[in-house]
Amino acid sequence: MRTNQLPSGCACCPMNRRQFLTKCAACVPAAGLLAAPTRLSAADTDPKVKIRIIYSLHGPQQTQPDWPNIGFDFQPVMDRINKELTSRCHAFQFLTSLANGPEQAQKILDDDKSADIDGYLVYQMNCWNRVVQTMAASGKPVLYADFQFAGSGGFLVYTAGFIRSNAPNVGFVASSKMNDLVEAVNCFAIVKKGGSTADFVAATAKVRAAGTPRPGSLDCKPDQLTTISPKECLQKMKESRILAIRSQDSGPGAPIMGIPVDNVAFAELNEAWSAADKDEASAIADRWQKDAKKIEGVSRETLDTSAAMYLAEKAVLKKHNANAISINCLGGFYGGHIHAYPCLGFHELNNQGLIGACECDLRSTSTMVTVTALTQGRPGYISDPVIDTAKRQIIYAHCVAHNRPFGPDGKKNPFEILTHSEDRQGAAVRSILPPGYMTTSLEFDQGRKQILFHRGKSVGNDPDDRACRTKLAAEPIGDIEKLFTMWDQWGWHRVTFYGDLKEPIYALAEEMGYKVLEEA
């Protein structure tokens, strides 16, 4: 066992794109290093609350594309957390370990049988590494923490699962403030003093509530939203068509909510990309260079190939008489089936009232088709949300977004062209979306006949370099605690639109025979 003494003191669906990327986590080198614990101890001689911190991640240095990004160095982050806890939690002794999955987590658990561990702090550092489940099965109190814009997908999905199963020993912290983590860690002392794990969980919930700001003003800027009737919307959905590009298969797909779906092969898109007019692509790249507030890390050649991909998307849409396209972008790019990311092309399509949707997520694509029709052209964008209780915010993060949130004829907001975040390749979009407006985030699900729904007032754009480029921050309307509960049932994606869509969505749901679930 590798040990290190620190100074004392007192001192948290079907395979999606993140799972696709993190499949190679099993190949992380130096697995022994990941499982090796480090001992952090306080100097006092009084009996300590002994807590093992387990960092759930691929490895100390990220060598693969995933949240937060390739090349990310976790060591300074872990060192800072270790230092803060040992300096601020006087009654505690900390031991640290790293684990990339259940096997290493079980080894830590087995090795701890004689170590008198009082509880576990599991820090989700990458999204989908399943470590916390093993520690929760120990019956010991577990505090589950999110390293935001890094582990947030797994954190939200796994936390919702614990809430749904009424796990009696798992508390959680989802805060960007170190003080909230420290206060939650202090709750382990309750069990040391004879309290139950349920008492520990309740105490962490109280700490979370105390650290969450009170709701702010819900007054929003004027927004001239107009919608069509539910019957008109259903007709427009039938007149739409989604192109699903996820493999080399082609042919008719199953309709979604009455929207026709065609499967299109990667090869067809790639041929259209190869055939794109180079002068036209160059002119589009010129416009992007002129209009973007900033371009960083993206070469002119990449802009040209991205513009050619946009032209290819338009050509394939025209050929199939479709208005929506969704591409398995990472599978296509890493598999060598396509040679440019579709992000800038999706940005352009969504600005025009068409649909460019990420990751071949057809549920989200059909949601975009439906609500864009309902609002007469307002674009939505798919995101991987992050919740920060310290700011009372949900942050909608993705590398694609429009910059015409009020529709093709509406006001534009600034945007930047940066690399795709996870692998720092290609070209993607940071849209600096306007604050002060009501937004609506939702998912339609045909199988359930349900619409998952919440609203939030846009309050800014998070500048963090980790994870996806666009990061619209909103204050959710309602109960932020309730907002933690649905991710295990609905997955990570949400589609966000500008506008207060509560009344028109309820009216559309009634016409469709769907039920609206308000997740906040």
Protein backbone atom coordinates (compact mmCIF):
# COMPACT_ATOMS: atom_id res chain seq x y z
CA MET A 1 0.00 0.00 0.00
CA ARG A 2 1.44 3.38 -1.05
CA THR A 3 1.16 5.91 1.80
CA ASN A 4 1.71 9.60 2.08
CA GLN A 5 1.51 11.72 5.24
CA LEU A 6 -0.10 15.13 4.85
CA PRO A 7 -0.18 17.97 7.39
CA SER A 8 -3.06 17.75 9.81
CA GLY A 9 -6.10 19.92 10.30
CA CYS A 10 -9.99 19.45 9.61
CA ALA A 11 -10.56 18.84 7.23
CA CYS A 12 -17.94 14.31 -2.52
CA CYS A 13 -30.05 3.58 -21.78
CA PRO A 14 -28.81 2.13 -24.46
CA MET A 15 -25.17 3.05 -24.87
CA ASN A 16 -24.81 6.78 -25.26
CA ARG A 17 -21.83 8.68 -26.57
CA ARG A 18 -20.14 8.98 -23.16
CA GLN A 19 -20.51 5.24 -22.61
CA PHE A 20 -19.17 4.61 -26.11
CA LEU A 21 -16.10 6.65 -25.27
CA THR A 22 -15.56 5.21 -21.81
CA LYS A 23 -15.75 1.56 -22.89
CA CYS A 24 -11.97 1.74 -23.09
CA ALA A 25 -11.75 2.59 -19.40
CA ALA A 26 -11.09 -1.10 -18.78
CA CYS A 27 -7.85 -0.67 -20.68
CA VAL A 28 -6.51 2.00 -18.33
CA PRO A 29 -2.82 1.35 -17.73
CA ALA A 30 -1.33 1.03 -14.28
CA ALA A 31 -4.48 -0.47 -12.78
CA GLY A 32 -2.48 -1.23 -9.68
CA LEU A 33 -1.80 2.48 -9.27
CA LEU A 34 -5.52 3.21 -9.45
CA ALA A 35 -6.29 0.75 -6.69
CA ALA A 36 -3.39 1.79 -4.48
CA PRO A 37 -4.57 3.89 -1.51
CA THR A 38 -2.88 6.92 -0.05
CA ARG A 39 -3.17 7.64 3.68
CA LEU A 40 -4.01 11.18 4.77
CA SER A 41 -4.05 11.68 8.55
CA ALA A 42 -4.73 14.40 11.10
CA ALA A 43 -2.20 15.04 13.85
CA ASP A 44 -4.49 14.83 16.88
CA THR A 45 -4.34 11.72 19.05
CA ASP A 46 -8.13 11.58 19.69
CA PRO A 47 -10.03 8.81 17.90
CA LYS A 48 -10.76 9.90 14.37
CA VAL A 49 -13.64 9.34 11.99
CA LYS A 50 -11.86 7.26 9.38
CA ILE A 51 -13.05 7.98 5.85
CA ARG A 52 -11.74 6.59 2.59
CA ILE A 53 -11.91 8.98 -0.36
CA ILE A 54 -12.28 7.08 -3.64
CA TYR A 55 -11.78 9.00 -6.87
CA SER A 56 -13.81 7.32 -9.62
CA LEU A 57 -11.95 7.95 -12.88
CA HIS A 58 -10.07 6.37 -15.78
CA GLY A 59 -6.67 7.42 -14.48
CA PRO A 60 -4.79 10.38 -12.96
CA GLN A 61 -3.97 11.69 -16.44
CA GLN A 62 -6.79 11.40 -18.96
CA THR A 63 -5.53 9.73 -22.12
CA GLN A 64 -8.84 9.34 -23.94
CA PRO A 65 -11.61 11.63 -25.19
CA ASP A 66 -14.29 12.00 -22.56
CA TRP A 67 -15.50 14.59 -20.08
CA PRO A 68 -13.76 16.73 -18.88
CA ASN A 69 -11.34 16.47 -21.85
CA ILE A 70 -8.42 14.49 -23.18
CA GLY A 71 -5.15 15.39 -21.47
CA PHE A 72 -6.84 16.56 -18.29
CA ASP A 73 -4.62 16.27 -15.21
CA PHE A 74 -6.70 15.16 -12.21
CA GLN A 75 -3.78 15.16 -9.79
CA PRO A 76 -3.91 18.87 -8.84
CA VAL A 77 -7.67 18.57 -8.35
CA MET A 78 -7.32 15.56 -6.08
CA ASP A 79 -4.44 17.20 -4.20
CA ARG A 80 -6.56 20.30 -3.58
CA ILE A 81 -9.51 18.25 -2.28
CA ASN A 82 -7.22 16.18 -0.05
CA LYS A 83 -5.55 19.30 1.34
CA GLU A 84 -8.82 21.10 2.02
CA LEU A 85 -10.35 18.15 3.84
CA THR A 86 -7.30 17.40 5.96
CA SER A 87 -6.95 21.07 6.89
CA ARG A 88 -10.61 21.67 7.72
CA CYS A 89 -11.96 18.44 9.25
CA HIS A 90 -10.10 18.12 12.55
CA ALA A 91 -11.94 15.03 13.77
CA PHE A 92 -11.23 12.99 10.66
CA GLN A 93 -8.59 10.72 9.20
CA PHE A 94 -8.64 10.28 5.43
CA LEU A 95 -7.27 7.54 3.22
CA THR A 96 -7.43 7.95 -0.55
CA SER A 97 -7.76 5.49 -3.42
CA LEU A 98 -8.43 5.62 -7.14
CA ALA A 99 -10.71 3.18 -8.97
CA ASN A 100 -11.92 2.94 -12.54
CA GLY A 101 -14.73 0.41 -12.07
CA PRO A 102 -16.40 -2.29 -9.98
CA GLU A 103 -13.43 -4.66 -9.88
CA GLN A 104 -11.06 -2.13 -8.37
CA ALA A 105 -13.82 -0.83 -6.09
CA GLN A 106 -14.39 -4.35 -4.76
CA LYS A 107 -10.67 -4.79 -4.15
CA ILE A 108 -10.65 -1.61 -2.06
CA LEU A 109 -13.68 -2.85 -0.15
CA ASP A 110 -12.06 -6.23 0.49
CA ASP A 111 -8.81 -4.62 1.66
CA ASP A 112 -10.80 -2.39 4.03
CA LYS A 113 -12.34 -5.27 5.99
CA SER A 114 -9.65 -4.92 8.64
CA ALA A 115 -9.15 -1.18 8.34
CA ASP A 116 -12.01 0.05 10.55
CA ILE A 117 -13.34 2.39 7.86
CA ASP A 118 -16.28 4.51 9.07
CA GLY A 119 -17.50 5.58 5.63
CA TYR A 120 -16.69 6.37 2.02
CA LEU A 121 -16.51 9.60 0.06
CA VAL A 122 -16.85 8.64 -3.63
CA TYR A 123 -15.93 11.44 -6.04
CA GLN A 124 -17.27 10.95 -9.59
CA MET A 125 -14.44 12.34 -11.72
CA ASN A 126 -15.36 10.74 -15.09
CA CYS A 127 -18.94 10.15 -16.09
CA TRP A 128 -19.65 6.45 -16.28
CA ASN A 129 -17.14 4.64 -14.05
CA ARG A 130 -19.29 2.42 -11.81
CA VAL A 131 -17.58 2.64 -8.44
CA VAL A 132 -20.14 4.17 -6.09
CA GLN A 133 -22.51 1.21 -6.48
CA THR A 134 -19.96 -1.18 -4.97
CA MET A 135 -19.26 1.09 -2.03
CA ALA A 136 -22.99 1.63 -1.42
CA ALA A 137 -23.47 -2.15 -1.23
CA SER A 138 -21.09 -2.23 1.75
CA GLY A 139 -23.79 -0.78 3.99
CA LYS A 140 -21.35 1.86 5.25
CA PRO A 141 -22.38 5.51 4.96
CA VAL A 142 -21.41 6.85 1.53
CA LEU A 143 -21.14 10.49 0.48
CA TYR A 144 -21.33 10.78 -3.30
CA ALA A 145 -19.83 13.92 -4.89
CA ASP A 146 -19.73 15.33 -8.40
CA PHE A 147 -16.60 16.82 -9.94
CA GLN A 148 -18.70 19.06 -12.12
CA PHE A 149 -18.19 19.19 -15.90
CA ALA A 150 -16.32 15.92 -15.54
CA GLY A 151 -18.35 13.24 -13.74
CA SER A 152 -21.76 14.87 -13.95
CA GLY A 153 -23.52 12.43 -16.29
CA GLY A 154 -22.90 9.38 -14.16
CA PHE A 155 -23.41 11.41 -11.00
CA LEU A 156 -26.91 12.52 -12.01
CA VAL A 157 -27.98 9.12 -13.35
CA TYR A 158 -26.57 7.14 -10.42
CA THR A 159 -27.82 9.61 -7.80
CA ALA A 160 -31.35 9.41 -9.20
CA GLY A 161 -31.10 5.63 -8.95
CA PHE A 162 -30.14 5.85 -5.27
CA ILE A 163 -33.02 8.24 -4.61
CA ARG A 164 -35.48 5.98 -6.43
CA SER A 165 -34.37 2.90 -4.50
CA ASN A 166 -34.47 4.80 -1.20
CA ALA A 167 -30.84 3.85 -0.54
CA PRO A 168 -30.55 4.28 3.24
CA ASN A 169 -26.83 4.97 3.32
CA VAL A 170 -26.03 7.27 0.36
CA GLY A 171 -25.99 11.04 0.72
CA PHE A 172 -24.82 13.34 -2.03
CA VAL A 173 -23.29 16.74 -2.70
CA ALA A 174 -23.52 18.59 -6.03
CA SER A 175 -21.83 21.88 -5.32
CA SER A 176 -19.01 23.94 -6.76
CA LYS A 177 -18.18 25.25 -3.26
CA MET A 178 -15.64 23.41 -1.15
CA ASN A 179 -17.41 24.49 2.03
CA ASP A 180 -20.48 22.47 1.03
CA LEU A 181 -18.31 19.38 0.65
CA VAL A 182 -16.66 19.96 4.02
CA GLU A 183 -20.02 20.37 5.76
CA ALA A 184 -21.33 17.18 4.14
CA VAL A 185 -18.20 15.26 5.16
CA ASN A 186 -18.74 16.34 8.75
CA CYS A 187 -22.03 14.41 8.68
CA PHE A 188 -20.06 11.14 8.89
CA ALA A 189 -19.49 11.96 12.58
CA ILE A 190 -23.18 11.29 13.24
CA VAL A 191 -22.70 7.57 12.57
CA LYS A 192 -19.44 7.48 14.54
CA LYS A 193 -21.40 8.80 17.52
CA GLY A 194 -24.06 6.10 17.23
CA GLY A 195 -26.48 7.57 14.72
CA SER A 196 -27.89 5.55 11.84
CA THR A 197 -26.96 5.75 8.17
CA ALA A 198 -30.43 7.22 7.59
CA ASP A 199 -29.53 9.99 10.04
CA PHE A 200 -26.35 10.58 8.03
CA VAL A 201 -28.28 10.83 4.74
CA ALA A 202 -30.82 13.22 6.29
CA ALA A 203 -28.01 15.38 7.63
CA THR A 204 -26.35 15.63 4.19
CA ALA A 205 -29.70 16.70 2.73
CA LYS A 206 -29.97 19.45 5.34
CA VAL A 207 -26.44 20.61 4.54
CA ARG A 208 -27.32 20.68 0.84
CA ALA A 209 -30.47 22.70 1.49
CA ALA A 210 -28.60 25.14 3.73
CA GLY A 211 -25.96 25.70 1.04
CA THR A 212 -28.51 26.30 -1.73
CA PRO A 213 -29.39 29.98 -2.25
CA ARG A 214 -33.02 31.04 -2.01
CA PRO A 215 -34.86 31.46 -5.33
CA GLY A 216 -34.11 34.67 -7.15
CA SER A 217 -36.49 36.93 -9.00
CA LEU A 218 -38.49 35.18 -11.69
CA ASP A 219 -39.09 38.41 -13.59
CA CYS A 220 -37.97 37.85 -17.18
CA LYS A 221 -37.35 40.04 -20.18
CA PRO A 222 -40.22 40.37 -22.66
CA ASP A 223 -40.42 37.55 -25.18
CA GLN A 224 -42.85 37.72 -28.09
CA LEU A 225 -43.48 33.97 -28.27
CA THR A 226 -46.17 32.78 -30.67
CA THR A 227 -47.27 29.18 -31.05
CA ILE A 228 -49.56 27.28 -33.38
CA SER A 229 -52.47 25.11 -32.27
CA PRO A 230 -51.87 21.52 -31.16
CA LYS A 231 -53.69 20.20 -34.25
CA GLU A 232 -51.52 22.30 -36.55
CA CYS A 233 -48.41 21.10 -34.72
CA LEU A 234 -49.36 17.45 -35.15
CA GLN A 235 -49.90 18.05 -38.86
CA LYS A 236 -46.48 19.69 -39.20
CA MET A 237 -44.91 16.74 -37.38
CA LYS A 238 -46.43 14.35 -39.96
CA GLU A 239 -45.07 16.54 -42.76
CA SER A 240 -41.56 16.43 -41.26
CA ARG A 241 -38.92 13.76 -41.78
CA ILE A 242 -35.94 12.76 -39.65
CA LEU A 243 -32.76 11.31 -41.17
CA ALA A 244 -30.94 9.00 -38.77
CA ILE A 245 -27.26 8.46 -39.60
CA ARG A 246 -25.77 5.98 -37.16
CA SER A 247 -24.23 3.17 -39.24
CA GLN A 248 -23.86 1.95 -42.80
CA ASP A 249 -27.51 0.81 -42.85
CA SER A 250 -30.12 2.60 -44.88
CA GLY A 251 -33.86 2.33 -45.39
CA PRO A 252 -37.14 3.28 -43.69
CA GLY A 253 -37.16 3.49 -39.91
CA ALA A 254 -40.00 3.37 -37.40
CA PRO A 255 -41.92 6.67 -37.14
CA ILE A 256 -41.68 8.61 -33.88
CA MET A 257 -44.85 10.41 -32.73
CA GLY A 258 -46.06 10.36 -36.32
CA ILE A 259 -42.79 11.81 -37.65
CA PRO A 260 -41.34 9.66 -40.49
CA VAL A 261 -37.78 8.43 -40.00
CA ASP A 262 -35.30 7.29 -42.66
CA ASN A 263 -32.01 5.56 -41.91
CA VAL A 264 -29.16 6.94 -44.04
CA ALA A 265 -25.74 5.32 -44.31
CA PHE A 266 -22.56 7.09 -43.25
CA ALA A 267 -21.29 6.42 -46.77
CA GLU A 268 -24.03 8.57 -48.32
CA LEU A 269 -23.20 11.50 -46.05
CA ASN A 270 -19.49 11.08 -46.68
CA GLU A 271 -20.01 11.05 -50.44
CA ALA A 272 -22.00 14.27 -50.19
CA TRP A 273 -19.20 15.78 -48.11
CA SER A 274 -16.59 14.78 -50.71
CA ALA A 275 -18.74 16.25 -53.49
CA ALA A 276 -19.42 19.56 -51.74
CA ASP A 277 -18.51 22.63 -53.78
CA LYS A 278 -15.17 23.86 -52.44
CA ASP A 279 -15.73 27.49 -53.39
CA GLU A 280 -19.10 27.51 -51.65
CA ALA A 281 -17.60 25.85 -48.59
CA SER A 282 -14.80 28.43 -48.55
CA ALA A 283 -17.33 31.28 -48.67
CA ILE A 284 -19.20 29.80 -45.69
CA ALA A 285 -15.93 29.45 -43.78
CA ASP A 286 -15.17 33.11 -44.60
CA ARG A 287 -18.53 34.10 -43.08
CA TRP A 288 -17.88 32.05 -39.94
CA GLN A 289 -14.49 33.73 -39.53
CA LYS A 290 -16.13 37.14 -39.85
CA ASP A 291 -19.10 36.44 -37.57
CA ALA A 292 -17.48 34.46 -34.76
CA LYS A 293 -16.51 36.45 -31.69
CA LYS A 294 -13.47 34.21 -31.30
CA ILE A 295 -11.85 31.26 -33.08
CA GLU A 296 -9.39 29.27 -31.03
CA GLY A 297 -7.59 26.01 -31.78
CA VAL A 298 -9.37 25.59 -35.11
CA SER A 299 -7.44 25.82 -38.37
CA ARG A 300 -8.75 27.31 -41.60
CA GLU A 301 -8.61 23.83 -43.13
CA THR A 302 -10.92 22.53 -40.38
CA LEU A 303 -13.34 25.40 -41.02
CA ASP A 304 -13.40 24.47 -44.71
CA THR A 305 -14.05 20.78 -44.02
CA SER A 306 -16.76 21.72 -41.48
CA ALA A 307 -18.41 23.96 -44.06
CA ALA A 308 -18.32 21.08 -46.54
CA MET A 309 -20.04 18.91 -43.92
CA TYR A 310 -22.77 21.54 -43.57
CA LEU A 311 -23.29 21.49 -47.33
CA ALA A 312 -23.40 17.68 -47.20
CA GLU A 313 -26.06 17.78 -44.49
CA LYS A 314 -28.16 20.14 -46.59
CA ALA A 315 -27.72 18.00 -49.70
CA VAL A 316 -28.80 14.82 -47.92
CA LEU A 317 -31.79 16.60 -46.37
CA LYS A 318 -32.86 17.85 -49.79
CA LYS A 319 -32.42 14.42 -51.40
CA HIS A 320 -34.69 12.78 -48.83
CA ASN A 321 -37.15 15.68 -48.55
CA ALA A 322 -36.38 15.93 -44.84
CA ASN A 323 -36.10 18.79 -42.38
CA ALA A 324 -34.20 17.04 -39.56
CA ILE A 325 -30.91 15.17 -39.44
CA SER A 326 -29.23 13.43 -36.51
CA ILE A 327 -25.77 11.88 -36.77
CA ASN A 328 -23.83 9.47 -34.57
CA CYS A 329 -21.03 12.00 -34.71
CA LEU A 330 -18.44 10.40 -32.45
CA GLY A 331 -19.00 6.87 -33.74
CA GLY A 332 -18.74 8.16 -37.28
CA PHE A 333 -15.70 10.33 -36.68
CA TYR A 334 -13.69 7.87 -34.59
CA GLY A 335 -14.69 5.02 -36.86
CA GLY A 336 -13.38 6.88 -39.92
CA HIS A 337 -16.83 6.94 -41.56
CA ILE A 338 -16.99 10.76 -41.62
CA HIS A 339 -14.09 13.18 -41.69
CA ALA A 340 -15.47 16.33 -40.10
CA TYR A 341 -17.63 16.97 -37.07
CA PRO A 342 -21.19 18.04 -37.94
CA CYS A 343 -21.37 20.64 -35.14
CA LEU A 344 -21.07 23.85 -37.18
CA GLY A 345 -23.46 22.43 -39.74
CA PHE A 346 -26.03 21.72 -37.03
CA HIS A 347 -25.51 25.28 -35.76
CA GLU A 348 -26.39 26.61 -39.20
CA LEU A 349 -29.40 24.32 -39.71
CA ASN A 350 -30.91 25.17 -36.33
CA ASN A 351 -30.51 28.90 -37.01
CA GLN A 352 -32.60 28.38 -40.16
CA GLY A 353 -35.51 26.60 -38.46
CA LEU A 354 -34.31 23.17 -39.57
CA ILE A 355 -33.10 20.48 -37.18
CA GLY A 356 -29.51 19.36 -36.66
CA ALA A 357 -29.39 16.99 -33.69
CA CYS A 358 -26.47 15.40 -31.89
CA GLU A 359 -25.48 11.77 -31.37
CA CYS A 360 -28.34 10.21 -33.36
CA ASP A 361 -30.52 10.67 -30.28
CA LEU A 362 -33.88 10.23 -31.97
CA ARG A 363 -35.99 10.93 -28.90
CA SER A 364 -34.32 14.33 -28.55
CA THR A 365 -34.46 14.86 -32.32
CA SER A 366 -38.22 14.25 -32.38
CA THR A 367 -38.54 16.63 -29.42
CA MET A 368 -36.70 19.28 -31.43
CA VAL A 369 -38.90 18.70 -34.49
CA THR A 370 -42.06 18.95 -32.38
CA VAL A 371 -41.25 22.09 -30.42
CA THR A 372 -39.66 23.92 -33.35
CA ALA A 373 -42.92 23.28 -35.23
CA LEU A 374 -45.01 24.38 -32.24
CA THR A 375 -43.07 27.65 -31.85
CA GLN A 376 -42.92 28.43 -35.58
CA GLY A 377 -39.19 27.98 -35.93
CA ARG A 378 -37.57 28.42 -32.54
CA PRO A 379 -34.53 26.14 -32.28
CA GLY A 380 -33.68 23.95 -29.35
CA TYR A 381 -30.41 22.34 -28.51
CA ILE A 382 -29.57 19.03 -26.91
CA SER A 383 -27.46 19.22 -23.77
CA ASP A 384 -25.77 17.21 -21.05
CA PRO A 385 -26.90 19.12 -17.96
CA VAL A 386 -24.96 19.76 -14.76
CA ILE A 387 -26.59 20.81 -11.47
CA ASP A 388 -24.80 23.15 -9.08
CA THR A 389 -26.68 23.65 -5.81
CA ALA A 390 -24.20 26.32 -4.65
CA LYS A 391 -25.47 28.60 -7.41
CA ARG A 392 -29.00 27.14 -7.60
CA GLN A 393 -28.34 26.49 -11.27
CA ILE A 394 -28.70 23.88 -13.94
CA ILE A 395 -26.15 24.29 -16.72
CA TYR A 396 -27.04 22.95 -20.19
CA ALA A 397 -23.72 21.90 -21.72
CA HIS A 398 -23.03 20.75 -25.29
CA CYS A 399 -20.68 21.48 -28.19
CA VAL A 400 -23.55 22.44 -30.50
CA ALA A 401 -26.02 25.28 -30.15
CA HIS A 402 -27.76 27.83 -32.33
CA ASN A 403 -27.25 31.56 -31.85
CA ARG A 404 -30.76 32.60 -32.87
CA PRO A 405 -32.75 31.49 -29.81
CA PHE A 406 -35.90 33.37 -30.88
CA GLY A 407 -36.08 31.86 -34.36
CA PRO A 408 -34.59 32.45 -37.83
CA ASP A 409 -35.75 36.07 -37.91
CA GLY A 410 -34.90 36.78 -34.29
CA LYS A 411 -31.96 38.51 -32.70
CA LYS A 412 -28.54 36.83 -32.88
CA ASN A 413 -26.21 36.40 -29.91
CA PRO A 414 -22.40 36.11 -30.03
CA PHE A 415 -20.76 32.75 -30.65
CA GLU A 416 -17.25 31.32 -30.66
CA ILE A 417 -15.70 28.52 -32.70
CA LEU A 418 -13.57 26.19 -30.60
CA THR A 419 -12.44 22.59 -30.79
CA HIS A 420 -14.80 19.80 -29.80
CA SER A 421 -14.19 19.70 -26.07
CA GLU A 422 -13.67 16.04 -25.24
CA ASP A 423 -10.94 15.34 -27.80
CA ARG A 424 -9.85 18.93 -28.58
CA GLN A 425 -10.27 18.23 -32.30
CA GLY A 426 -12.45 19.56 -35.10
CA ALA A 427 -14.70 22.59 -34.77
CA ALA A 428 -17.58 23.14 -32.35
CA VAL A 429 -19.67 26.03 -31.07
CA ARG A 430 -19.82 28.03 -27.89
CA SER A 431 -23.00 30.04 -28.12
CA ILE A 432 -23.13 32.88 -25.57
CA LEU A 433 -26.87 32.78 -25.07
CA PRO A 434 -28.80 35.74 -23.65
CA PRO A 435 -29.61 35.93 -19.91
CA GLY A 436 -32.88 37.08 -18.37
CA TYR A 437 -35.32 34.94 -20.37
CA MET A 438 -37.54 32.03 -19.46
CA THR A 439 -36.46 28.75 -21.02
CA THR A 440 -38.16 25.37 -21.27
CA SER A 441 -36.30 22.05 -21.26
CA LEU A 442 -38.03 18.81 -22.12
CA GLU A 443 -38.07 15.36 -23.69
CA PHE A 444 -40.99 13.65 -25.45
CA ASP A 445 -41.15 9.87 -25.06
CA GLN A 446 -43.38 7.91 -27.42
CA GLY A 447 -43.21 4.63 -25.48
CA ARG A 448 -44.24 6.18 -22.18
CA LYS A 449 -46.61 8.70 -23.76
CA GLN A 450 -45.02 11.23 -21.46
CA ILE A 451 -43.31 14.61 -21.70
CA LEU A 452 -40.57 15.38 -19.18
CA PHE A 453 -40.61 19.11 -18.54
CA HIS A 454 -38.96 21.84 -16.52
CA ARG A 455 -38.43 25.56 -16.90
CA GLY A 456 -35.55 27.83 -15.92
CA LYS A 457 -34.67 31.50 -16.12
CA SER A 458 -31.46 31.97 -18.10
CA VAL A 459 -28.90 33.70 -15.90
CA GLY A 460 -25.61 33.48 -17.79
CA ASN A 461 -23.05 31.31 -19.54
CA ASP A 462 -20.59 29.26 -17.52
CA PRO A 463 -17.01 29.88 -18.73
CA ASP A 464 -15.47 26.64 -17.38
CA ASP A 465 -13.10 25.08 -19.91
CA ARG A 466 -14.00 21.54 -18.84
CA ALA A 467 -16.55 19.58 -20.86
CA CYS A 468 -18.77 20.86 -23.65
CA ARG A 469 -18.37 24.36 -25.02
CA THR A 470 -21.85 25.92 -24.81
CA LYS A 471 -22.93 26.17 -21.16
CA LEU A 472 -26.17 28.08 -20.69
CA ALA A 473 -26.85 28.49 -16.97
CA ALA A 474 -30.42 28.77 -15.69
CA GLU A 475 -32.15 28.96 -12.34
CA PRO A 476 -34.72 26.15 -12.36
CA ILE A 477 -38.30 27.08 -11.60
CA GLY A 478 -39.54 24.97 -8.72
CA ASP A 479 -37.77 22.48 -6.47
CA ILE A 480 -34.10 21.97 -7.33
CA GLU A 481 -34.04 18.89 -5.08
CA LYS A 482 -36.76 17.28 -7.19
CA LEU A 483 -34.63 17.98 -10.24
CA PHE A 484 -32.22 15.23 -9.12
CA THR A 485 -34.82 12.45 -9.41
CA MET A 486 -35.51 11.59 -13.06
CA TRP A 487 -32.12 11.06 -14.70
CA ASP A 488 -32.03 7.28 -14.18
CA GLN A 489 -35.38 6.92 -15.97
CA TRP A 490 -34.85 9.44 -18.77
CA GLY A 491 -31.10 9.54 -19.31
CA TRP A 492 -28.83 12.55 -19.40
CA HIS A 493 -30.04 14.55 -22.42
CA ARG A 494 -32.51 17.42 -22.29
CA VAL A 495 -33.57 19.76 -25.11
CA THR A 496 -33.73 23.45 -24.18
CA PHE A 497 -35.76 26.17 -25.92
CA TYR A 498 -36.19 29.85 -25.18
CA GLY A 499 -39.71 30.75 -24.13
CA ASP A 500 -42.22 29.85 -21.43
CA LEU A 501 -43.82 26.84 -23.07
CA LYS A 502 -45.84 25.50 -20.15
CA GLU A 503 -49.30 26.29 -21.49
CA PRO A 504 -48.69 25.23 -25.12
CA ILE A 505 -46.93 22.01 -24.02
CA TYR A 506 -49.82 21.05 -21.74
CA ALA A 507 -52.26 21.77 -24.57
CA LEU A 508 -50.22 19.67 -27.02
CA ALA A 509 -49.94 16.85 -24.47
CA GLU A 510 -53.74 16.78 -24.09
CA GLU A 511 -54.19 16.58 -27.86
CA MET A 512 -51.62 13.75 -28.11
CA GLY A 513 -52.91 11.84 -25.08
CA TYR A 514 -49.57 12.31 -23.29
CA LYS A 515 -48.91 13.11 -19.63
CA VAL A 516 -46.58 15.96 -18.62
CA LEU A 517 -44.11 15.17 -15.82
CA GLU A 518 -42.73 18.32 -14.22
CA GLU A 519 -39.29 17.30 -12.98
CA ALA A 520 -38.77 20.40 -10.85
